Protein backbone atom coordinates (compact mmCIF):
# COMPACT_ATOMS: atom_id res chain seq x y z
CA UNK A 1 -1.05 -12.45 49.39
CA UNK A 2 -2.30 -16.05 49.11
CA UNK A 3 -0.56 -17.02 52.36
CA UNK A 4 -2.31 -14.18 54.21
CA UNK A 5 -5.73 -15.19 52.85
CA UNK A 6 -5.18 -18.84 53.80
CA UNK A 7 -3.81 -17.96 57.22
CA UNK A 8 -6.74 -15.67 58.07
CA UNK A 9 -9.27 -18.22 56.86
CA UNK A 10 -10.54 -16.03 54.00
CA UNK A 11 -9.60 -18.70 51.46
CA UNK A 12 -9.56 -22.52 51.37
CA UNK A 13 -7.02 -24.74 49.62
CA UNK A 14 -9.55 -26.16 47.14
CA UNK A 15 -10.71 -22.65 46.28
CA UNK A 16 -7.12 -21.62 45.64
CA UNK A 17 -6.62 -24.60 43.31
CA UNK A 18 -9.73 -23.63 41.37
CA UNK A 19 -8.49 -20.04 41.05
CA UNK A 20 -5.04 -21.23 39.89
CA UNK A 21 -6.69 -23.38 37.22
CA UNK A 22 -8.75 -20.43 35.95
CA UNK A 23 -5.69 -18.16 35.97
CA UNK A 24 -3.78 -20.63 33.77
CA UNK A 25 -6.69 -20.90 31.33
CA UNK A 26 -7.21 -17.11 31.07
CA UNK A 27 -3.47 -16.22 31.20
CA UNK A 28 -4.28 -13.77 33.98
CA UNK A 29 -1.36 -12.31 35.95
CA UNK A 30 -3.05 -11.18 39.16
CA UNK A 31 -4.35 -14.04 41.29
CA UNK A 32 -6.19 -11.50 43.47
CA UNK A 33 -8.26 -10.35 40.52
CA UNK A 34 -9.15 -13.94 39.63
CA UNK A 35 -10.23 -14.67 43.21
CA UNK A 36 -12.43 -11.58 43.20
CA UNK A 37 -13.99 -12.35 39.81
CA UNK A 38 -14.86 -15.89 40.95
CA UNK A 39 -16.48 -14.47 44.08
CA UNK A 40 -14.23 -16.50 46.36
CA UNK A 41 -12.82 -13.45 48.19
CA UNK A 42 -14.13 -9.88 48.54
CA UNK A 43 -12.23 -6.69 47.69
CA UNK A 44 -11.83 -5.88 51.39
CA UNK A 45 -9.93 -9.13 52.03
CA UNK A 46 -7.85 -8.68 48.85
CA UNK A 47 -6.80 -5.17 49.89
CA UNK A 48 -5.95 -6.38 53.40
CA UNK A 49 -3.77 -9.12 51.90
CA UNK A 50 -2.05 -6.66 49.55
CA UNK A 51 -1.40 -4.32 52.46
CA UNK A 52 0.22 -7.15 54.43
CA UNK A 53 2.29 -8.14 51.41
CA UNK A 54 3.49 -4.64 50.42
CA UNK A 55 3.65 -2.96 53.83
CA UNK A 56 1.44 -0.05 52.75
CA UNK A 57 -1.12 -0.51 55.52
CA UNK A 58 -4.89 -0.95 55.30
CA UNK A 59 -7.67 1.36 56.48
CA UNK A 60 -11.31 0.37 56.95
CA UNK A 61 -13.18 3.55 56.05
CA UNK A 62 -16.47 2.11 57.33
CA UNK A 63 -15.08 1.96 60.87
CA UNK A 64 -13.01 5.14 61.24
CA UNK A 65 -13.66 8.87 61.21
CA UNK A 66 -11.59 10.89 58.77
CA UNK A 67 -9.72 13.79 60.35
CA UNK A 68 -11.03 17.20 59.22
CA UNK A 69 -7.45 18.55 59.23
CA UNK A 70 -6.62 16.00 56.52
CA UNK A 71 -9.70 16.74 54.40
CA UNK A 72 -9.13 20.49 54.40
CA UNK A 73 -5.73 20.48 52.69
CA UNK A 74 -6.77 18.96 49.33
CA UNK A 75 -9.43 20.36 46.94
CA UNK A 76 -12.52 18.17 46.59
CA UNK A 77 -12.20 18.01 42.79
CA UNK A 78 -8.76 16.35 43.02
CA UNK A 79 -10.00 13.73 45.46
CA UNK A 80 -13.07 12.88 43.40
CA UNK A 81 -11.10 12.88 40.16
CA UNK A 82 -8.72 10.19 41.48
CA UNK A 83 -11.17 8.50 43.91
CA UNK A 84 -8.85 8.96 46.91
CA UNK A 85 -9.40 10.49 50.37
CA UNK A 86 -6.95 11.71 53.05
CA UNK A 87 -7.58 10.08 56.41
CA UNK A 88 -4.94 11.55 58.73
CA UNK A 89 -2.46 14.45 58.83
CA UNK A 90 0.53 14.67 61.15
CA UNK A 91 2.69 17.72 60.57
CA UNK A 92 3.72 17.60 56.91
CA UNK A 93 2.77 13.94 56.45
CA UNK A 94 -0.59 13.05 54.93
CA UNK A 95 -2.02 9.51 54.87
CA UNK A 96 -4.06 8.95 51.71
CA UNK A 97 -6.58 6.13 51.29
CA UNK A 98 -6.44 4.69 47.78
CA UNK A 99 -7.29 1.44 46.02
CA UNK A 100 -4.15 1.76 43.86
CA UNK A 101 -0.95 2.88 45.66
CA UNK A 102 0.91 2.92 42.31
CA UNK A 103 -1.24 5.73 40.89
CA UNK A 104 1.59 8.26 40.61
CA UNK A 105 -0.62 10.95 39.11
CA UNK A 106 -2.96 10.85 42.13
CA UNK A 107 -0.12 10.91 44.65
CA UNK A 108 1.61 13.80 42.86
CA UNK A 109 -1.59 15.85 42.54
CA UNK A 110 -2.37 15.44 46.24
CA UNK A 111 1.24 16.23 47.22
CA UNK A 112 1.28 19.38 45.08
CA UNK A 113 -2.09 20.57 46.38
CA UNK A 114 -1.35 19.88 50.07
CA UNK A 115 2.38 20.57 50.24
CA UNK A 116 2.70 17.37 52.30
CA UNK A 117 4.58 14.11 52.02
CA UNK A 118 1.93 11.61 50.95
CA UNK A 119 1.82 8.09 52.39
CA UNK A 120 -0.63 5.79 50.58
CA UNK A 121 -2.75 3.32 52.55
CA UNK A 122 -4.98 0.73 50.92
CA UNK A 123 -8.77 0.88 51.10
CA UNK A 124 -11.78 -0.62 49.32
CA UNK A 125 -12.83 1.28 46.17
CA UNK A 126 -16.51 1.44 47.14
CA UNK A 127 -15.67 2.54 50.67
CA UNK A 128 -13.64 5.47 49.28
CA UNK A 129 -16.58 6.50 47.07
CA UNK A 130 -18.96 6.30 50.04
CA UNK A 131 -16.59 8.37 52.19
CA UNK A 132 -16.31 11.07 49.52
CA UNK A 133 -20.13 11.27 49.37
CA UNK A 134 -20.32 11.35 53.17
CA UNK A 135 -17.83 14.17 53.67
CA UNK A 136 -18.39 16.20 50.47
CA UNK A 137 -21.99 15.39 49.51
CA UNK A 138 -23.44 13.40 46.64
CA UNK A 139 -23.75 16.30 44.20
CA UNK A 140 -27.60 16.42 44.04
CA UNK A 141 -28.76 20.01 44.33
CA UNK A 142 -31.51 20.66 46.87
CA UNK A 143 -32.08 24.23 45.74
CA UNK A 144 -31.45 26.32 42.66
CA UNK A 145 -27.84 27.57 42.92
CA UNK A 146 -26.95 31.22 42.60
CA UNK A 147 -25.35 31.65 39.11
CA UNK A 148 -22.86 34.19 40.47
CA UNK A 149 -21.81 31.80 43.22
CA UNK A 150 -21.44 28.95 40.72
CA UNK A 151 -19.31 31.13 38.42
CA UNK A 152 -17.16 32.20 41.36
CA UNK A 153 -16.67 28.57 42.42
CA UNK A 154 -15.78 27.57 38.85
CA UNK A 155 -13.23 30.39 38.63
CA UNK A 156 -11.69 29.27 41.92
CA UNK A 157 -11.51 25.67 40.72
CA UNK A 158 -9.85 26.77 37.49
CA UNK A 159 -7.41 28.96 39.40
CA UNK A 160 -6.58 26.01 41.66
CA UNK A 161 -5.97 23.78 38.67
CA UNK A 162 -3.81 26.40 36.96
CA UNK A 163 -1.76 26.57 40.16
CA UNK A 164 -1.40 22.79 40.15
CA UNK A 165 -0.31 22.87 36.51
CA UNK A 166 2.28 25.59 37.11
CA UNK A 167 3.69 23.53 39.96
CA UNK A 168 3.84 20.45 37.75
CA UNK A 169 5.62 22.36 35.00
CA UNK A 170 8.11 23.76 37.47
CA UNK A 171 8.73 20.26 38.83
CA UNK A 172 9.60 19.05 35.33
CA UNK A 173 12.14 21.85 34.92
CA UNK A 174 10.21 23.96 32.42
CA UNK A 175 11.13 27.63 32.19
CA UNK A 176 9.83 30.54 30.13
CA UNK A 177 13.12 30.65 28.33
CA UNK A 178 15.85 28.34 27.09
CA UNK A 179 18.49 26.31 28.85
CA UNK A 180 21.75 24.70 27.85
CA UNK A 181 21.28 21.90 25.40
CA UNK A 182 21.80 18.39 26.67
CA UNK A 183 21.75 14.91 25.16
CA UNK A 184 18.26 14.92 23.64
CA UNK A 185 17.97 11.23 22.78
CA UNK A 186 19.90 9.41 25.57
CA UNK A 187 17.38 7.62 27.76
CA UNK A 188 14.25 9.14 26.25
CA UNK A 189 12.14 6.01 26.66
CA UNK A 190 13.21 5.55 30.28
CA UNK A 191 12.68 9.24 31.12
CA UNK A 192 9.26 9.20 29.44
CA UNK A 193 8.02 6.87 32.18
CA UNK A 194 9.28 9.04 35.05
CA UNK A 195 6.88 11.11 37.13
CA UNK A 196 8.18 14.63 36.17
CA UNK A 197 7.80 13.95 32.42
CA UNK A 198 4.40 12.34 32.94
CA UNK A 199 3.33 15.41 34.91
CA UNK A 200 4.70 17.73 32.21
CA UNK A 201 2.83 15.96 29.39
CA UNK A 202 -0.39 15.95 31.41
CA UNK A 203 0.14 19.62 32.32
CA UNK A 204 0.48 20.69 28.66
CA UNK A 205 -2.82 19.01 27.84
CA UNK A 206 -4.72 20.17 30.95
CA UNK A 207 -3.53 23.77 30.52
CA UNK A 208 -4.66 23.75 26.88
CA UNK A 209 -8.12 22.53 27.90
CA UNK A 210 -8.34 25.24 30.58
CA UNK A 211 -7.38 27.85 27.98
CA UNK A 212 -10.13 26.54 25.64
CA UNK A 213 -7.55 25.63 22.99
CA UNK A 214 -8.58 23.62 19.94
CA UNK A 215 -5.03 22.51 19.07
CA UNK A 216 -1.68 22.01 20.81
CA UNK A 217 1.54 22.42 18.79
CA UNK A 218 4.75 20.97 20.26
CA UNK A 219 7.49 22.26 17.96
CA UNK A 220 11.21 21.38 18.36
CA UNK A 221 13.52 24.31 17.65
CA UNK A 222 17.30 24.42 17.49
CA UNK A 223 17.77 25.21 21.20
CA UNK A 224 14.34 24.72 22.76
CA UNK A 225 10.84 23.32 22.22
CA UNK A 226 8.08 25.83 21.54
CA UNK A 227 4.56 24.98 22.73
CA UNK A 228 1.72 26.90 21.09
CA UNK A 229 -2.05 26.73 21.67
CA UNK A 230 -4.68 27.64 19.09
CA UNK A 231 -7.38 29.50 21.01
CA UNK A 232 -10.43 30.82 19.15
CA UNK A 233 -8.72 30.04 15.85
CA UNK A 234 -5.50 31.98 16.53
CA UNK A 235 -2.12 30.48 17.55
CA UNK A 236 -0.18 31.95 20.46
CA UNK A 237 2.90 30.79 22.33
CA UNK A 238 2.11 29.14 25.66
CA UNK A 239 5.57 28.23 26.94
CA UNK A 240 9.07 27.15 26.01
CA UNK A 241 10.43 23.78 27.11
CA UNK A 242 14.20 23.21 27.51
CA UNK A 243 15.76 21.21 24.69
CA UNK A 244 16.98 18.49 27.07
CA UNK A 245 13.35 17.59 27.84
CA UNK A 246 12.33 17.32 24.16
CA UNK A 247 13.03 13.62 23.54
CA UNK A 248 11.35 12.27 26.70
CA UNK A 249 8.40 14.67 26.28
CA UNK A 250 7.80 13.62 22.65
CA UNK A 251 8.19 9.97 23.64
CA UNK A 252 5.68 10.41 26.47
CA UNK A 253 3.09 11.99 24.18
CA UNK A 254 3.58 9.18 21.64
CA UNK A 255 3.18 6.55 24.35
CA UNK A 256 -0.07 8.21 25.46
CA UNK A 257 -1.27 8.19 21.83
CA UNK A 258 -0.28 4.53 21.32
CA UNK A 259 2.24 5.45 18.62
CA UNK A 260 5.55 3.78 17.79
CA UNK A 261 8.14 5.71 19.82
CA UNK A 262 11.05 3.99 18.06
CA UNK A 263 9.95 5.30 14.64
CA UNK A 264 10.96 8.94 14.11
CA UNK A 265 11.38 9.10 10.33
CA UNK A 266 7.77 8.94 9.08
CA UNK A 267 4.50 10.68 10.04
CA UNK A 268 2.27 8.88 12.53
CA UNK A 269 -1.24 9.31 13.90
CA UNK A 270 -2.68 8.41 17.29
CA UNK A 271 -5.36 9.21 19.82
CA UNK A 272 -5.50 10.16 23.51
CA UNK A 273 -8.56 10.20 25.77
CA UNK A 274 -8.51 12.51 28.82
CA UNK A 275 -10.93 13.86 31.43
CA UNK A 276 -10.94 17.40 32.80
CA UNK A 277 -13.43 18.79 35.33
CA UNK A 278 -15.83 15.93 34.68
CA UNK A 279 -15.78 16.33 30.88
CA UNK A 280 -14.35 13.87 28.36
CA UNK A 281 -11.99 14.95 25.59
CA UNK A 282 -10.48 13.11 22.61
CA UNK A 283 -7.11 14.25 21.29
CA UNK A 284 -6.21 13.41 17.69
CA UNK A 285 -2.42 13.27 17.64
CA UNK A 286 -0.21 13.71 14.57
CA UNK A 287 3.60 13.61 14.37
CA UNK A 288 5.88 14.61 11.50
CA UNK A 289 9.70 14.55 11.29
CA UNK A 290 11.51 17.92 11.16
CA UNK A 291 15.25 18.77 11.13
CA UNK A 292 15.22 19.40 14.91
CA UNK A 293 13.00 16.48 15.96
CA UNK A 294 9.40 15.36 15.67
CA UNK A 295 6.67 17.98 15.70
CA UNK A 296 3.50 16.91 17.51
CA UNK A 297 0.10 18.49 16.89
CA UNK A 298 -2.89 17.48 19.02
CA UNK A 299 -6.46 18.42 17.99
CA UNK A 300 -8.65 18.67 21.11
CA UNK A 301 -12.19 17.40 20.59
CA UNK A 302 -14.72 18.11 23.32
CA UNK A 303 -17.18 15.19 23.30
CA UNK A 304 -19.87 17.37 24.84
CA UNK A 305 -19.69 20.00 22.08
CA UNK A 306 -21.93 17.98 19.76
CA UNK A 307 -24.58 17.82 22.48
CA UNK A 308 -25.12 21.58 22.73
CA UNK A 309 -27.69 21.56 19.94
CA UNK A 310 -28.00 23.34 16.63
CA UNK A 311 -29.59 26.37 18.27
CA UNK A 312 -26.28 27.25 19.98
CA UNK A 313 -24.10 27.22 16.86
CA UNK A 314 -24.87 30.82 15.90
CA UNK A 315 -27.65 30.29 13.36
CA UNK A 316 -30.17 33.06 12.82
CA UNK A 317 -33.78 32.10 13.51
CA UNK A 318 -34.49 32.08 9.77
CA UNK A 319 -31.59 29.74 8.94
CA UNK A 320 -32.39 27.55 11.93
CA UNK A 321 -35.93 26.94 10.67
CA UNK A 322 -34.67 26.19 7.15
CA UNK A 323 -32.09 23.66 8.39
CA UNK A 324 -34.63 21.88 10.59
CA UNK A 325 -36.93 21.64 7.57
CA UNK A 326 -34.13 20.34 5.31
CA UNK A 327 -32.90 17.61 7.65
CA UNK A 328 -36.44 16.40 8.29
CA UNK A 329 -36.73 15.38 4.61
CA UNK A 330 -36.88 11.60 4.00
CA UNK A 331 -34.27 11.78 1.23
CA UNK A 332 -31.89 14.20 -0.46
CA UNK A 333 -28.36 15.46 0.13
CA UNK A 334 -27.44 18.19 2.62
CA UNK A 335 -23.88 19.50 2.28
CA UNK A 336 -21.66 21.58 4.57
CA UNK A 337 -18.81 23.50 2.95
CA UNK A 338 -15.91 25.62 4.10
CA UNK A 339 -12.17 25.45 4.74
CA UNK A 340 -10.53 23.15 7.29
CA UNK A 341 -11.35 24.23 10.83
CA UNK A 342 -14.57 26.04 9.96
CA UNK A 343 -16.78 23.81 12.12
CA UNK A 344 -18.34 21.69 9.36
CA UNK A 345 -17.99 18.43 11.30
CA UNK A 346 -19.45 19.92 14.48
CA UNK A 347 -22.48 21.10 12.53
CA UNK A 348 -22.97 17.70 10.90
CA UNK A 349 -22.65 15.90 14.24
CA UNK A 350 -25.14 18.31 15.81
CA UNK A 351 -27.59 17.48 13.02
CA UNK A 352 -27.03 13.75 13.61
CA UNK A 353 -27.52 14.20 17.34
CA UNK A 354 -30.85 15.91 16.66
CA UNK A 355 -31.97 13.15 14.27
CA UNK A 356 -30.74 10.27 16.45
CA UNK A 357 -33.85 8.46 17.69
CA UNK A 358 -34.79 4.82 18.25
CA UNK A 359 -36.86 4.77 15.07
CA UNK A 360 -34.03 5.89 12.77
CA UNK A 361 -31.03 3.86 11.54
CA UNK A 362 -28.03 6.19 11.12
CA UNK A 363 -24.67 5.05 9.69
CA UNK A 364 -21.55 7.16 9.14
CA UNK A 365 -18.24 6.61 7.33
CA UNK A 366 -15.50 8.93 8.56
CA UNK A 367 -11.76 9.53 8.43
CA UNK A 368 -11.22 9.73 11.33
CA UNK A 369 -14.20 9.29 13.68
CA UNK A 370 -14.02 12.54 15.65
CA UNK A 371 -16.92 12.08 18.07
CA UNK A 372 -18.47 8.79 19.13
CA UNK A 373 -22.25 9.00 19.37
CA UNK A 374 -24.40 6.40 21.12
CA UNK A 375 -26.99 4.72 18.93
CA UNK A 376 -25.16 5.48 15.66
CA UNK A 377 -23.08 2.97 13.67
CA UNK A 378 -19.83 4.77 12.86
CA UNK A 379 -17.28 3.26 10.47
CA UNK A 380 -13.63 4.31 10.34
CA UNK A 381 -11.96 4.48 6.91
CA UNK A 382 -9.05 2.02 6.66
CA UNK A 383 -7.36 2.34 3.28
CA UNK A 384 -4.72 -0.30 4.04
CA UNK A 385 -7.49 -2.83 4.53
CA UNK A 386 -9.37 -1.59 1.45
CA UNK A 387 -12.11 0.23 3.39
CA UNK A 388 -12.57 3.59 1.67
CA UNK A 389 -15.46 6.05 1.68
CA UNK A 390 -16.77 4.40 -1.50
CA UNK A 391 -16.56 0.77 -0.30
CA UNK A 392 -18.10 1.73 3.03
CA UNK A 393 -20.99 3.45 1.27
CA UNK A 394 -21.66 0.40 -0.90
CA UNK A 395 -21.93 -1.77 2.19
CA UNK A 396 -24.18 0.78 3.91
CA UNK A 397 -26.88 0.39 1.26
CA UNK A 398 -27.33 -3.22 2.43
CA UNK A 399 -27.62 -2.17 6.09
CA UNK A 400 -31.15 -0.73 5.81
CA UNK A 401 -30.10 2.86 6.67
CA UNK A 402 -32.39 5.87 6.92
CA UNK A 403 -29.64 8.49 7.22
CA UNK A 404 -26.04 8.27 5.98
CA UNK A 405 -23.19 10.65 6.78
CA UNK A 406 -20.08 10.69 4.59
CA UNK A 407 -17.20 12.46 6.33
CA UNK A 408 -16.09 14.10 3.09
CA UNK A 409 -16.79 13.71 -0.63
CA UNK A 410 -13.30 13.60 -2.13
CA UNK A 411 -13.73 11.83 -5.45
CA UNK A 412 -16.23 10.95 -8.16
CA UNK A 413 -16.79 7.38 -6.96
CA UNK A 414 -17.79 8.50 -3.46
CA UNK A 415 -20.02 11.28 -4.83
CA UNK A 416 -21.82 8.92 -7.22
CA UNK A 417 -22.60 6.34 -4.53
CA UNK A 418 -23.78 9.10 -2.16
CA UNK A 419 -26.07 10.38 -4.92
CA UNK A 420 -27.35 6.84 -5.54
CA UNK A 421 -28.15 6.54 -1.82
CA UNK A 422 -30.00 9.85 -1.93
CA UNK A 423 -32.00 8.81 -5.01
CA UNK A 424 -33.03 5.52 -3.39
CA UNK A 425 -34.71 7.14 -0.40
CA UNK A 426 -31.97 8.08 2.07
CA UNK A 427 -31.00 11.38 3.66
CA UNK A 428 -27.27 11.91 3.00
CA UNK A 429 -25.08 14.37 4.92
CA UNK A 430 -21.58 15.23 3.75
CA UNK A 431 -18.93 17.96 3.47
CA UNK A 432 -17.03 19.64 0.66
CA UNK A 433 -14.19 22.14 0.51
CA UNK A 434 -15.57 25.24 -1.25
CA UNK A 435 -15.53 28.96 -0.43
CA UNK A 436 -19.29 29.49 -0.52
CA UNK A 437 -22.55 27.59 -0.84
CA UNK A 438 -23.29 28.08 -4.59
CA UNK A 439 -19.77 26.85 -5.46
CA UNK A 440 -20.63 23.40 -4.13
CA UNK A 441 -22.64 22.55 -7.24
CA UNK A 442 -19.75 23.58 -9.54
CA UNK A 443 -17.29 21.62 -7.40
CA UNK A 444 -19.37 18.46 -7.85
CA UNK A 445 -19.55 19.06 -11.61
CA UNK A 446 -15.74 19.46 -11.66
CA UNK A 447 -15.48 16.09 -9.87
CA UNK A 448 -17.39 14.54 -12.79
CA UNK A 449 -20.92 14.31 -11.37
CA UNK A 450 -23.65 14.78 -13.96
CA UNK A 451 -25.48 18.13 -13.37
CA UNK A 452 -28.94 16.53 -13.57
CA UNK A 453 -28.02 14.23 -10.67
CA UNK A 454 -26.94 17.21 -8.57
CA UNK A 455 -30.20 19.07 -9.22
CA UNK A 456 -32.19 15.93 -8.37
CA UNK A 457 -30.48 15.16 -5.06
CA UNK A 458 -28.99 18.26 -3.39
CA UNK A 459 -31.61 19.88 -1.17
CA UNK A 460 -29.40 22.40 0.60
CA UNK A 461 -25.82 23.64 0.99
CA UNK A 462 -24.48 25.36 4.11
CA UNK A 463 -21.25 27.34 3.90
CA UNK A 464 -19.76 28.44 7.18
CA UNK A 465 -16.83 30.10 8.96
CA UNK A 466 -15.90 30.43 12.63
CA UNK A 467 -15.39 33.97 13.94
CA UNK A 468 -14.25 35.02 17.39
CA UNK A 469 -16.92 36.48 19.66
CA UNK A 470 -16.46 39.68 21.62
CA UNK A 471 -16.12 38.97 25.34
CA UNK A 472 -19.67 39.85 26.40
CA UNK A 473 -18.54 40.61 29.97
CA UNK A 474 -15.84 43.03 28.83
CA UNK A 475 -16.95 45.14 25.86
CA UNK A 476 -17.54 48.79 25.03
CA UNK A 477 -19.60 50.67 22.40
CA UNK A 478 -18.08 52.89 19.71
CA UNK A 479 -19.34 54.68 16.62
CA UNK A 480 -18.33 54.26 12.97
CA UNK A 481 -19.54 56.04 9.83
CA UNK A 482 -22.35 54.03 8.22
CA UNK A 483 -20.47 54.16 4.90
CA UNK A 484 -17.69 51.99 6.42
CA UNK A 485 -20.09 49.05 6.48
CA UNK A 486 -21.02 49.18 2.78
CA UNK A 487 -18.68 46.31 1.92
CA UNK A 488 -20.70 44.07 4.26
CA UNK A 489 -23.90 44.85 2.37
CA UNK A 490 -25.09 47.60 4.74
CA UNK A 491 -27.33 50.17 3.06
CA UNK A 492 -26.89 53.67 4.59
CA UNK A 493 -29.85 56.01 4.81
CA UNK A 494 -28.18 58.63 2.61
CA UNK A 495 -27.18 60.96 5.44
CA UNK A 496 -23.39 61.52 5.01
CA UNK A 497 -23.04 61.99 8.79
CA UNK A 498 -24.91 58.81 9.70
CA UNK A 499 -23.20 56.83 12.46
CA UNK A 500 -23.65 53.23 13.57
CA UNK A 501 -22.99 52.01 17.11
CA UNK A 502 -20.87 48.86 17.24
CA UNK A 503 -19.07 47.01 20.05
CA UNK A 504 -15.51 45.89 20.62
CA UNK A 505 -13.94 43.72 23.30
CA UNK A 506 -11.87 45.12 26.15
CA UNK A 507 -8.63 43.18 26.78
CA UNK A 508 -8.83 41.36 30.10
CA UNK A 509 -7.39 38.34 31.91
CA UNK A 510 -10.68 36.58 31.25
CA UNK A 511 -10.10 36.80 27.48
CA UNK A 512 -6.29 36.41 27.41
CA UNK A 513 -5.92 40.15 26.72
CA UNK A 514 -7.51 39.76 23.26
CA UNK A 515 -11.01 41.13 23.87
CA UNK A 516 -12.44 37.91 22.38
CA UNK A 517 -13.83 34.85 24.12
CA UNK A 518 -15.24 31.85 22.26
CA UNK A 519 -16.31 31.49 18.64
CA UNK A 520 -19.58 31.31 16.74
CA UNK A 521 -20.56 30.43 13.21
CA UNK A 522 -21.12 32.75 10.27
CA UNK A 523 -23.37 30.98 7.77
CA UNK A 524 -24.59 31.05 4.18
CA UNK A 525 -27.49 28.68 3.48
CA UNK A 526 -28.60 27.91 -0.07
CA UNK A 527 -31.77 25.86 -0.46
CA UNK A 528 -32.44 24.24 -3.83
CA UNK A 529 -35.47 25.33 -5.88
CA UNK A 530 -36.60 24.84 -9.48
CA UNK A 531 -34.73 27.91 -10.79
CA UNK A 532 -31.40 26.95 -9.19
CA UNK A 533 -31.82 23.33 -10.32
CA UNK A 534 -32.35 24.49 -13.91
CA UNK A 535 -29.23 26.70 -13.76
CA UNK A 536 -27.18 23.75 -12.46
CA UNK A 537 -28.40 21.49 -15.27
CA UNK A 538 -27.50 24.18 -17.82
CA UNK A 539 -24.03 24.56 -16.21
CA UNK A 540 -24.74 28.27 -15.73
CA UNK A 541 -21.96 30.58 -14.44
CA UNK A 542 -21.44 30.77 -10.67
CA UNK A 543 -22.75 34.36 -10.48
CA UNK A 544 -26.07 33.31 -12.01
CA UNK A 545 -26.46 30.51 -9.43
CA UNK A 546 -25.52 32.93 -6.64
CA UNK A 547 -28.07 35.55 -7.75
CA UNK A 548 -30.80 32.91 -7.96
CA UNK A 549 -29.90 31.66 -4.47
CA UNK A 550 -30.06 35.21 -3.07
CA UNK A 551 -33.44 35.70 -4.71
CA UNK A 552 -34.49 32.50 -2.95
CA UNK A 553 -33.59 33.99 0.44
CA UNK A 554 -29.89 33.15 0.81
CA UNK A 555 -27.99 35.59 3.04
CA UNK A 556 -24.31 35.73 2.03
CA UNK A 557 -21.52 35.11 4.54
CA UNK A 558 -20.67 38.81 4.73
CA UNK A 559 -24.33 39.71 5.32
CA UNK A 560 -24.66 37.16 8.11
CA UNK A 561 -21.43 38.57 9.52
CA UNK A 562 -22.89 42.10 9.39
CA UNK A 563 -26.00 40.88 11.23
CA UNK A 564 -23.79 39.59 14.06
CA UNK A 565 -21.67 42.76 14.06
CA UNK A 566 -24.77 44.94 14.47
CA UNK A 567 -25.99 42.61 17.24
CA UNK A 568 -22.77 43.25 19.16
CA UNK A 569 -21.63 39.60 19.01
CA UNK A 570 -18.46 40.22 16.98
CA UNK A 571 -16.71 43.12 15.21
CA UNK A 572 -16.02 44.08 11.57
CA UNK A 573 -12.31 43.21 11.78
CA UNK A 574 -13.07 39.64 12.77
CA UNK A 575 -15.66 39.18 10.01
CA UNK A 576 -13.16 40.53 7.47
CA UNK A 577 -10.49 38.13 8.76
CA UNK A 578 -12.57 34.98 8.28
CA UNK A 579 -14.91 35.87 5.40
CA UNK A 580 -13.27 38.26 2.95
CA UNK A 581 -10.86 36.91 0.33
CA UNK A 582 -8.96 38.53 -2.51
CA UNK A 583 -11.28 39.80 -5.19
CA UNK A 584 -14.33 39.55 -2.94
């Protein structure tokens, strides 16, 4: 490369010496990058030199016209996703302009989409971006798009991507069945870096995102590897991977998550960041050892989900107004309760996103940090280093906070410091694991918190569940006797023949043949008043607290579920599945 630059007059000997000196000081590997950073040589000259050195060839996109026959064989989304552009097509050979000819994922995606043999040629990064804008447009709408046309285009894009994923899975040797077992460990690390395994790992993740899954389970069995996706809260089998691909696939996922691939005897945690259709996703990765190999579970976190706003989480207008009033208080404690996976964290983040302004100092302590929000100081618990919820909270009080979020109150020490923060003029948000809202006060008493402190600080408790929504594009009405809805709190008129019209989903490809698509919250909001505070101080039975909360306007989970059933958003079976427990 250096010889080419010197020979062409792009670089002088004294400039080269300066660059070599900087490279030694910074321990940089690539002399081309150092030359570019120092402003001695432009990217165009660097790419020309690399082309001469590697034999890939160089194309100046500012001086050529891209062939339409080349552009038409690859979907726009793939080109923009990888920042590449085809420049020429001859039979089954496609020349692809790229700034990185070693980007295997880009070359494979283009090859799969076009069915051509792809030959990379080097080009300037900015020139590729300009060419994509020139031939495909800059993405600024000049007129209001037709929603039906947009939906149709999105469906086509998703269908194209599903096709790409199926091709990738086939290329890695995946079948919807089992194959003969092979040496599972062998060269797992070496295979994990090969293109077919990389494509397979990426395909599992991309397919899960397309299917709107919240979790991916990769589970080694005796003769195969089962892959399951949790969609709308329910697990279903997505595919079966041959046993001989298990070791390299697990190794690849652990490499992506920055985990120790040599350690297979203890649980590990990691994280993967991916992009799909212009959206960013975080994957929280967990591995545990099993008799047949390591099981991997990946929780998919959509970074944009916390930006949708509180109004889209399924709250009734009445509850929405109460929550907005509660979180606008200068101090106090607002708690979210419910089992794991009930959407507590999403609700808390949505509240933080609403409160996040320049004039407010917000600090959080979490384990782990699920969503990263701009303008908010987020602290990750690190028990090995001595950073717990309690120690983090102590430090927060010296950071001049206005609002504090504690990922979860797990012990008395954390609860007491959170209460102290609330008493000294801070709004505190946190979560607890309880079945309903009134139980939160008893849970804190069980942890050892003095009842008078609870009554003085807790301003509201929100219990919630996530229920599947009926596919609104594929549903049908049906009638049920009004008496069947008594258990939800429905009061019939007294007519024994009274019927109520409800809705149920129609199985369709759009909803994975379930009749459901998406989830929404079912909520129970208890706001503190003088009567409830007095009952808490007196350690009154749970039923007394619950009755006082209902008298204060609390709608129980089952009643909120009934409201959504009657509105045609979900059905009674789904509300029963997520709300009703033994002895309810």
